[in-house]
Amino acid sequence: MGSAAVLIAAASGRALAVSARRGGYLPLVVDFFGDQDTLAVAHAHIRLRGEINLGVRELELMEAFESLAATSPPCGAVCGTGFEDRPQVLAAIARRWRVFGNSAEAIAAVKDPTRFAALCRELGIPHPPISMSPPAVSAGWLAKRRGGAGGIHIAAASEPKSGDGIYFQLAVPGTPVSALLLSSRDGANVVGLAPNGPRRRRTTHTVTAVRCGRRRSRHTSPARLPMRQAALRRRCR
């Protein structure tokens, strides 16, 4: 029996394609770049024609997936970056193939600033105040785009903004840190922590495994993720 194929869609599908190859799968990749590194590991590839700043278009992606699936029937689909503000596209994929990863409902929930702030309060996780309307005094506030990814969409609240889905968050001093994690109903594994912004020196980031309250650190770093283990235990039940 040959290797199973898997559909992959992302703004850049290279990392997911490499991971799929290492796992013994045949990557069927759709992305905006089609660079040589991606083509070298992809079993098959289709490059999206649209502009990356306009995001993934549902019809174009579904047509590309159908074309790739016709060559090698996939066991499912994995979606990376590019779907944060369009859970409806994930929902369309899920109606046709099994989606490995977060559901459209989960993406919509975590990208809803009001629901996310309420969940943080419920779990006892510190979270900056937010406002869905411009603050009376803009100094010290940030403007963000609902469903945004990375930091490109973030600006000072005093700067002119256009478009729908803008909300406001109080700026908090300190070092911004991003966390990469794998989670399920049984627990969460923090793969790594990365301080955002200019890097002045090379660091080793913390890699922590959390399983229903048991935490073990393999490496140390200035980056720390404030985890509430009681909250994690509740979520693991």
C-alpha atoms as a PDB file:
ATOM      1  CA  MET A   1       0.000   0.000   0.000  1.00  0.00           C
ATOM      2  CA  GLY A   2       1.398   3.406  -0.963  1.00  0.00           C
ATOM      3  CA  SER A   3       1.587   6.536   1.146  1.00  0.00           C
ATOM      4  CA  ALA A   4      -1.627   8.421   1.811  1.00  0.00           C
ATOM      5  CA  ALA A   5      -2.016  11.830   0.216  1.00  0.00           C
ATOM      6  CA  VAL A   6      -3.028  14.920   2.198  1.00  0.00           C
ATOM      7  CA  LEU A   7      -4.327  18.251   0.934  1.00  0.00           C
ATOM      8  CA  ILE A   8      -2.472  21.298   2.239  1.00  0.00           C
ATOM      9  CA  ALA A   9      -3.523  24.937   1.901  1.00  0.00           C
ATOM     10  CA  ALA A  10      -1.759  27.957   3.365  1.00  0.00           C
ATOM     11  CA  ALA A  11      -0.370  31.323   2.388  1.00  0.00           C
ATOM     12  CA  SER A  12       2.920  29.419   2.219  1.00  0.00           C
ATOM     13  CA  GLY A  13       2.625  25.635   2.294  1.00  0.00           C
ATOM     14  CA  ARG A  14       6.310  24.752   2.498  1.00  0.00           C
ATOM     15  CA  ALA A  15       6.554  23.988   6.230  1.00  0.00           C
ATOM     16  CA  LEU A  16       3.398  21.862   6.225  1.00  0.00           C
ATOM     17  CA  ALA A  17       4.568  20.032   3.108  1.00  0.00           C
ATOM     18  CA  VAL A  18       7.912  19.223   4.729  1.00  0.00           C
ATOM     19  CA  SER A  19       6.131  17.992   7.859  1.00  0.00           C
ATOM     20  CA  ALA A  20       3.799  15.828   5.765  1.00  0.00           C
ATOM     21  CA  ARG A  21       6.735  14.263   3.932  1.00  0.00           C
ATOM     22  CA  ARG A  22       8.468  13.492   7.214  1.00  0.00           C
ATOM     23  CA  GLY A  23       5.279  11.833   8.409  1.00  0.00           C
ATOM     24  CA  GLY A  24       5.127   9.623   5.341  1.00  0.00           C
ATOM     25  CA  TYR A  25       2.344  11.466   3.495  1.00  0.00           C
ATOM     26  CA  LEU A  26       2.159  12.774  -0.069  1.00  0.00           C
ATOM     27  CA  PRO A  27       1.634  16.558   0.152  1.00  0.00           C
ATOM     28  CA  LEU A  28      -0.867  18.015  -2.320  1.00  0.00           C
ATOM     29  CA  VAL A  29      -0.140  21.707  -1.846  1.00  0.00           C
ATOM     30  CA  VAL A  30      -1.997  24.893  -2.713  1.00  0.00           C
ATOM     31  CA  ASP A  31      -0.369  28.224  -1.803  1.00  0.00           C
ATOM     32  CA  PHE A  32       0.504  31.678  -3.116  1.00  0.00           C
ATOM     33  CA  PHE A  33       4.200  31.103  -3.773  1.00  0.00           C
ATOM     34  CA  GLY A  34       5.107  27.806  -5.361  1.00  0.00           C
ATOM     35  CA  ASP A  35       8.758  28.395  -4.497  1.00  0.00           C
ATOM     36  CA  GLN A  36      11.446  25.850  -5.313  1.00  0.00           C
ATOM     37  CA  ASP A  37      11.639  24.520  -1.747  1.00  0.00           C
ATOM     38  CA  THR A  38       7.906  23.819  -1.731  1.00  0.00           C
ATOM     39  CA  LEU A  39       7.925  22.250  -5.177  1.00  0.00           C
ATOM     40  CA  ALA A  40      10.813  20.008  -4.123  1.00  0.00           C
ATOM     41  CA  VAL A  41       8.770  18.342  -1.361  1.00  0.00           C
ATOM     42  CA  ALA A  42       5.255  18.583  -2.797  1.00  0.00           C
ATOM     43  CA  HIS A  43       3.811  15.545  -4.554  1.00  0.00           C
ATOM     44  CA  ALA A  44       1.715  17.997  -6.553  1.00  0.00           C
ATOM     45  CA  HIS A  45       1.231  21.766  -6.340  1.00  0.00           C
ATOM     46  CA  ILE A  46      -1.116  24.483  -7.574  1.00  0.00           C
ATOM     47  CA  ARG A  47      -0.312  28.153  -7.149  1.00  0.00           C
ATOM     48  CA  LEU A  48      -3.134  30.503  -6.228  1.00  0.00           C
ATOM     49  CA  ARG A  49      -3.527  33.297  -8.779  1.00  0.00           C
ATOM     50  CA  GLY A  50      -4.835  35.993  -6.431  1.00  0.00           C
ATOM     51  CA  GLU A  51      -2.804  38.468  -4.394  1.00  0.00           C
ATOM     52  CA  ILE A  52      -1.758  37.302  -0.961  1.00  0.00           C
ATOM     53  CA  ASN A  53      -2.922  40.520   0.710  1.00  0.00           C
ATOM     54  CA  LEU A  54      -6.468  39.806  -0.537  1.00  0.00           C
ATOM     55  CA  GLY A  55      -6.445  36.349   1.003  1.00  0.00           C
ATOM     56  CA  VAL A  56      -7.649  32.914  -0.064  1.00  0.00           C
ATOM     57  CA  ARG A  57     -10.668  32.871  -2.380  1.00  0.00           C
ATOM     58  CA  GLU A  58     -13.045  29.997  -1.687  1.00  0.00           C
ATOM     59  CA  LEU A  59     -13.931  29.074  -5.269  1.00  0.00           C
ATOM     60  CA  GLU A  60     -10.330  29.107  -6.491  1.00  0.00           C
ATOM     61  CA  LEU A  61      -9.123  27.026  -3.551  1.00  0.00           C
ATOM     62  CA  MET A  62     -11.904  24.448  -3.862  1.00  0.00           C
ATOM     63  CA  GLU A  63     -11.218  24.057  -7.587  1.00  0.00           C
ATOM     64  CA  ALA A  64      -7.498  23.569  -6.858  1.00  0.00           C
ATOM     65  CA  PHE A  65      -8.251  20.983  -4.159  1.00  0.00           C
ATOM     66  CA  GLU A  66     -10.607  19.103  -6.462  1.00  0.00           C
ATOM     67  CA  SER A  67      -7.953  19.035  -9.184  1.00  0.00           C
ATOM     68  CA  LEU A  68      -5.275  17.699  -6.831  1.00  0.00           C
ATOM     69  CA  ALA A  69      -7.632  15.192  -5.206  1.00  0.00           C
ATOM     70  CA  ALA A  70      -8.447  13.754  -8.626  1.00  0.00           C
ATOM     71  CA  THR A  71      -4.796  12.720  -9.042  1.00  0.00           C
ATOM     72  CA  SER A  72      -4.280  11.226  -5.561  1.00  0.00           C
ATOM     73  CA  PRO A  73      -7.341  10.676  -3.335  1.00  0.00           C
ATOM     74  CA  PRO A  74      -6.496  12.410  -0.018  1.00  0.00           C
ATOM     75  CA  CYS A  75      -7.161  11.227   3.511  1.00  0.00           C
ATOM     76  CA  GLY A  76      -8.028  14.787   4.508  1.00  0.00           C
ATOM     77  CA  ALA A  77      -6.907  18.399   4.481  1.00  0.00           C
ATOM     78  CA  VAL A  78      -4.596  20.533   6.611  1.00  0.00           C
ATOM     79  CA  CYS A  79      -4.921  24.321   6.503  1.00  0.00           C
ATOM     80  CA  GLY A  80      -2.240  26.731   7.695  1.00  0.00           C
ATOM     81  CA  THR A  81      -2.095  30.509   7.710  1.00  0.00           C
ATOM     82  CA  GLY A  82      -4.506  32.461   5.576  1.00  0.00           C
ATOM     83  CA  PHE A  83      -7.825  31.321   7.051  1.00  0.00           C
ATOM     84  CA  GLU A  84      -7.909  33.405  10.222  1.00  0.00           C
ATOM     85  CA  ASP A  85     -10.490  35.831   8.852  1.00  0.00           C
ATOM     86  CA  ARG A  86     -12.443  33.391   6.663  1.00  0.00           C
ATOM     87  CA  PRO A  87     -13.734  30.420   8.670  1.00  0.00           C
ATOM     88  CA  GLN A  88     -16.429  29.980   6.016  1.00  0.00           C
ATOM     89  CA  VAL A  89     -13.734  28.663   3.648  1.00  0.00           C
ATOM     90  CA  LEU A  90     -12.693  26.083   6.249  1.00  0.00           C
ATOM     91  CA  ALA A  91     -16.343  25.111   6.611  1.00  0.00           C
ATOM     92  CA  ALA A  92     -16.584  24.593   2.841  1.00  0.00           C
ATOM     93  CA  ILE A  93     -13.501  22.360   2.887  1.00  0.00           C
ATOM     94  CA  ALA A  94     -14.888  20.370   5.830  1.00  0.00           C
ATOM     95  CA  ARG A  95     -18.076  19.648   3.887  1.00  0.00           C
ATOM     96  CA  ARG A  96     -15.980  17.919   1.229  1.00  0.00           C
ATOM     97  CA  TRP A  97     -13.004  16.430   3.093  1.00  0.00           C
ATOM     98  CA  ARG A  98     -11.964  15.697   6.642  1.00  0.00           C
ATOM     99  CA  VAL A  99     -10.086  18.697   8.077  1.00  0.00           C
ATOM    100  CA  PHE A 100      -7.223  17.948  10.446  1.00  0.00           C
ATOM    101  CA  GLY A 101      -6.908  20.799  12.928  1.00  0.00           C
ATOM    102  CA  ASN A 102      -9.162  23.514  14.250  1.00  0.00           C
ATOM    103  CA  SER A 103     -12.706  23.617  12.970  1.00  0.00           C
ATOM    104  CA  ALA A 104     -14.304  26.652  11.367  1.00  0.00           C
ATOM    105  CA  GLU A 105     -16.290  27.132  14.576  1.00  0.00           C
ATOM    106  CA  ALA A 106     -13.113  27.157  16.691  1.00  0.00           C
ATOM    107  CA  ILE A 107     -11.419  29.701  14.401  1.00  0.00           C
ATOM    108  CA  ALA A 108     -14.477  31.947  14.448  1.00  0.00           C
ATOM    109  CA  ALA A 109     -14.630  31.764  18.242  1.00  0.00           C
ATOM    110  CA  VAL A 110     -10.981  32.548  18.920  1.00  0.00           C
ATOM    111  CA  LYS A 111     -11.004  35.390  16.371  1.00  0.00           C
ATOM    112  CA  ASP A 112     -14.060  36.988  17.955  1.00  0.00           C
ATOM    113  CA  PRO A 113     -12.435  39.539  20.295  1.00  0.00           C
ATOM    114  CA  THR A 114     -15.442  39.691  22.624  1.00  0.00           C
ATOM    115  CA  ARG A 115     -15.720  35.910  22.999  1.00  0.00           C
ATOM    116  CA  PHE A 116     -11.955  35.538  23.379  1.00  0.00           C
ATOM    117  CA  ALA A 117     -11.774  38.180  26.122  1.00  0.00           C
ATOM    118  CA  ALA A 118     -14.684  36.512  27.941  1.00  0.00           C
ATOM    119  CA  LEU A 119     -12.959  33.117  27.746  1.00  0.00           C
ATOM    120  CA  CYS A 120      -9.770  34.607  29.189  1.00  0.00           C
ATOM    121  CA  ARG A 121     -11.757  36.043  32.090  1.00  0.00           C
ATOM    122  CA  GLU A 122     -13.424  32.676  32.669  1.00  0.00           C
ATOM    123  CA  LEU A 123     -10.046  30.905  32.788  1.00  0.00           C
ATOM    124  CA  GLY A 124      -8.364  33.565  34.920  1.00  0.00           C
ATOM    125  CA  ILE A 125      -5.924  34.554  32.160  1.00  0.00           C
ATOM    126  CA  PRO A 126      -4.906  38.242  32.213  1.00  0.00           C
ATOM    127  CA  HIS A 127      -6.148  40.024  29.084  1.00  0.00           C
ATOM    128  CA  PRO A 128      -6.033  43.718  28.092  1.00  0.00           C
ATOM    129  CA  PRO A 129      -9.339  45.596  28.020  1.00  0.00           C
ATOM    130  CA  ILE A 130     -10.966  45.813  24.593  1.00  0.00           C
ATOM    131  CA  SER A 131     -13.527  48.085  22.996  1.00  0.00           C
ATOM    132  CA  MET A 132     -15.592  47.554  19.867  1.00  0.00           C
ATOM    133  CA  SER A 133     -15.887  51.337  19.404  1.00  0.00           C
ATOM    134  CA  PRO A 134     -13.123  53.969  19.320  1.00  0.00           C
ATOM    135  CA  PRO A 135     -12.023  54.982  22.835  1.00  0.00           C
ATOM    136  CA  ALA A 136     -12.741  58.550  23.909  1.00  0.00           C
ATOM    137  CA  VAL A 137      -8.996  59.066  24.424  1.00  0.00           C
ATOM    138  CA  SER A 138      -6.988  57.144  21.826  1.00  0.00           C
ATOM    139  CA  ALA A 139      -3.603  57.519  23.536  1.00  0.00           C
ATOM    140  CA  GLY A 140      -2.411  54.162  24.854  1.00  0.00           C
ATOM    141  CA  TRP A 141      -4.832  52.155  22.728  1.00  0.00           C
ATOM    142  CA  LEU A 142      -4.226  49.918  19.693  1.00  0.00           C
ATOM    143  CA  ALA A 143      -6.461  49.297  16.703  1.00  0.00           C
ATOM    144  CA  LYS A 144      -6.648  45.709  15.434  1.00  0.00           C
ATOM    145  CA  ARG A 145      -8.513  43.946  12.654  1.00  0.00           C
ATOM    146  CA  ARG A 146     -10.839  41.132  13.634  1.00  0.00           C
ATOM    147  CA  GLY A 147      -9.433  37.914  12.207  1.00  0.00           C
ATOM    148  CA  GLY A 148      -6.016  39.484  11.665  1.00  0.00           C
ATOM    149  CA  ALA A 149      -2.835  37.415  11.753  1.00  0.00           C
ATOM    150  CA  GLY A 150       0.667  38.540  12.578  1.00  0.00           C
ATOM    151  CA  GLY A 151       1.232  42.188  13.420  1.00  0.00           C
ATOM    152  CA  ILE A 152       0.670  43.941  10.098  1.00  0.00           C
ATOM    153  CA  HIS A 153      -2.933  44.807  10.944  1.00  0.00           C
ATOM    154  CA  ILE A 154      -2.053  46.433  14.298  1.00  0.00           C
ATOM    155  CA  ALA A 155      -1.736  50.223  14.538  1.00  0.00           C
ATOM    156  CA  ALA A 156      -2.050  52.983  17.097  1.00  0.00           C
ATOM    157  CA  ALA A 157      -5.680  53.850  17.723  1.00  0.00           C
ATOM    158  CA  SER A 158      -4.925  57.457  16.804  1.00  0.00           C
ATOM    159  CA  GLU A 159      -3.989  56.500  13.219  1.00  0.00           C
ATOM    160  CA  PRO A 160      -6.653  56.645  10.501  1.00  0.00           C
ATOM    161  CA  LYS A 161      -8.296  53.281   9.823  1.00  0.00           C
ATOM    162  CA  SER A 162     -10.648  51.985   7.187  1.00  0.00           C
ATOM    163  CA  GLY A 163     -12.591  48.789   6.625  1.00  0.00           C
ATOM    164  CA  ASP A 164     -14.872  46.620   8.702  1.00  0.00           C
ATOM    165  CA  GLY A 165     -13.958  44.526  11.703  1.00  0.00           C
ATOM    166  CA  ILE A 166     -11.764  47.052  13.527  1.00  0.00           C
ATOM    167  CA  TYR A 167     -11.670  46.831  17.309  1.00  0.00           C
ATOM    168  CA  PHE A 168      -9.516  48.440  19.981  1.00  0.00           C
ATOM    169  CA  GLN A 169      -7.287  47.040  22.702  1.00  0.00           C
ATOM    170  CA  LEU A 170      -5.443  48.765  25.495  1.00  0.00           C
ATOM    171  CA  ALA A 171      -1.677  48.691  24.923  1.00  0.00           C
ATOM    172  CA  VAL A 172       0.261  46.801  27.591  1.00  0.00           C
ATOM    173  CA  PRO A 173       3.974  47.419  28.233  1.00  0.00           C
ATOM    174  CA  GLY A 174       6.342  44.471  28.024  1.00  0.00           C
ATOM    175  CA  THR A 175       7.744  42.023  25.500  1.00  0.00           C
ATOM    176  CA  PRO A 176       5.202  40.521  23.088  1.00  0.00           C
ATOM    177  CA  VAL A 177       5.523  36.731  22.941  1.00  0.00           C
ATOM    178  CA  SER A 178       4.014  34.274  20.478  1.00  0.00           C
ATOM    179  CA  ALA A 179       3.303  30.678  21.448  1.00  0.00           C
ATOM    180  CA  LEU A 180       3.134  27.686  19.138  1.00  0.00           C
ATOM    181  CA  LEU A 181       1.148  24.848  20.679  1.00  0.00           C
ATOM    182  CA  LEU A 182      -0.616  21.606  19.955  1.00  0.00           C
ATOM    183  CA  SER A 183      -3.756  20.979  21.950  1.00  0.00           C
ATOM    184  CA  SER A 184      -6.708  18.670  22.269  1.00  0.00           C
ATOM    185  CA  ARG A 185      -9.374  17.830  24.833  1.00  0.00           C
ATOM    186  CA  ASP A 186      -6.750  15.796  26.694  1.00  0.00           C
ATOM    187  CA  GLY A 187      -4.177  18.560  27.175  1.00  0.00           C
ATOM    188  CA  ALA A 188      -1.871  21.041  25.515  1.00  0.00           C
ATOM    189  CA  ASN A 189       1.726  20.887  24.348  1.00  0.00           C
ATOM    190  CA  VAL A 190       3.559  24.195  23.991  1.00  0.00           C
ATOM    191  CA  VAL A 191       6.011  23.580  21.166  1.00  0.00           C
ATOM    192  CA  GLY A 192       7.881  26.850  21.551  1.00  0.00           C
ATOM    193  CA  LEU A 193       7.754  30.489  22.602  1.00  0.00           C
ATOM    194  CA  ALA A 194       9.108  33.315  20.466  1.00  0.00           C
ATOM    195  CA  PRO A 195       9.573  36.936  21.583  1.00  0.00           C
ATOM    196  CA  ASN A 196       8.249  39.209  18.836  1.00  0.00           C
ATOM    197  CA  GLY A 197      10.108  42.188  17.466  1.00  0.00           C
ATOM    198  CA  PRO A 198      13.806  42.756  16.650  1.00  0.00           C
ATOM    199  CA  ARG A 199      16.077  39.957  17.856  1.00  0.00           C
ATOM    200  CA  ARG A 200      19.260  41.235  19.440  1.00  0.00           C
ATOM    201  CA  ARG A 201      20.772  37.864  20.185  1.00  0.00           C
ATOM    202  CA  ARG A 202      20.092  34.212  19.577  1.00  0.00           C
ATOM    203  CA  THR A 203      18.008  32.552  22.253  1.00  0.00           C
ATOM    204  CA  THR A 204      16.738  29.105  23.055  1.00  0.00           C
ATOM    205  CA  HIS A 205      13.014  29.221  23.555  1.00  0.00           C
ATOM    206  CA  THR A 206      11.099  27.393  26.223  1.00  0.00           C
ATOM    207  CA  VAL A 207       9.547  24.108  25.165  1.00  0.00           C
ATOM    208  CA  THR A 208       6.975  22.969  27.681  1.00  0.00           C
ATOM    209  CA  ALA A 209       4.619  20.017  27.779  1.00  0.00           C
ATOM    210  CA  VAL A 210       1.390  20.485  29.696  1.00  0.00           C
ATOM    211  CA  ARG A 211      -0.884  17.490  30.163  1.00  0.00           C
ATOM    212  CA  CYS A 212      -3.795  18.093  32.500  1.00  0.00           C
ATOM    213  CA  GLY A 213      -1.740  20.109  34.964  1.00  0.00           C
ATOM    214  CA  ARG A 214       1.640  18.333  34.647  1.00  0.00           C
ATOM    215  CA  ARG A 215       4.270  20.697  33.301  1.00  0.00           C
ATOM    216  CA  ARG A 216       7.860  19.980  32.399  1.00  0.00           C
ATOM    217  CA  SER A 217      10.323  22.412  30.798  1.00  0.00           C
ATOM    218  CA  ARG A 218      13.013  21.080  28.496  1.00  0.00           C
ATOM    219  CA  HIS A 219      14.745  24.386  27.755  1.00  0.00           C
ATOM    220  CA  THR A 220      14.759  27.794  29.371  1.00  0.00           C
ATOM    221  CA  SER A 221      14.493  31.202  27.809  1.00  0.00           C
ATOM    222  CA  PRO A 222      13.577  34.765  28.707  1.00  0.00           C
ATOM    223  CA  ALA A 223      10.251  34.047  26.995  1.00  0.00           C
ATOM    224  CA  ARG A 224       7.606  32.861  29.455  1.00  0.00           C
ATOM    225  CA  LEU A 225       3.964  32.022  28.849  1.00  0.00           C
ATOM    226  CA  PRO A 226       1.727  32.763  31.876  1.00  0.00           C
ATOM    227  CA  MET A 227      -0.277  29.533  32.102  1.00  0.00           C
ATOM    228  CA  ARG A 228      -2.901  28.881  34.727  1.00  0.00           C
ATOM    229  CA  GLN A 229      -2.664  25.193  35.458  1.00  0.00           C
ATOM    230  CA  ALA A 230      -5.981  25.032  37.265  1.00  0.00           C
ATOM    231  CA  ALA A 231      -7.648  26.434  34.153  1.00  0.00           C
ATOM    232  CA  LEU A 232      -5.845  23.892  32.000  1.00  0.00           C
ATOM    233  CA  ARG A 233      -6.968  21.074  34.267  1.00  0.00           C
ATOM    234  CA  ARG A 234     -10.564  22.210  33.910  1.00  0.00           C
ATOM    235  CA  ARG A 235     -10.233  22.314  30.123  1.00  0.00           C
ATOM    236  CA  CYS A 236      -8.648  18.846  30.072  1.00  0.00           C
ATOM    237  CA  ARG A 237     -11.551  17.143  31.807  1.00  0.00           C
END
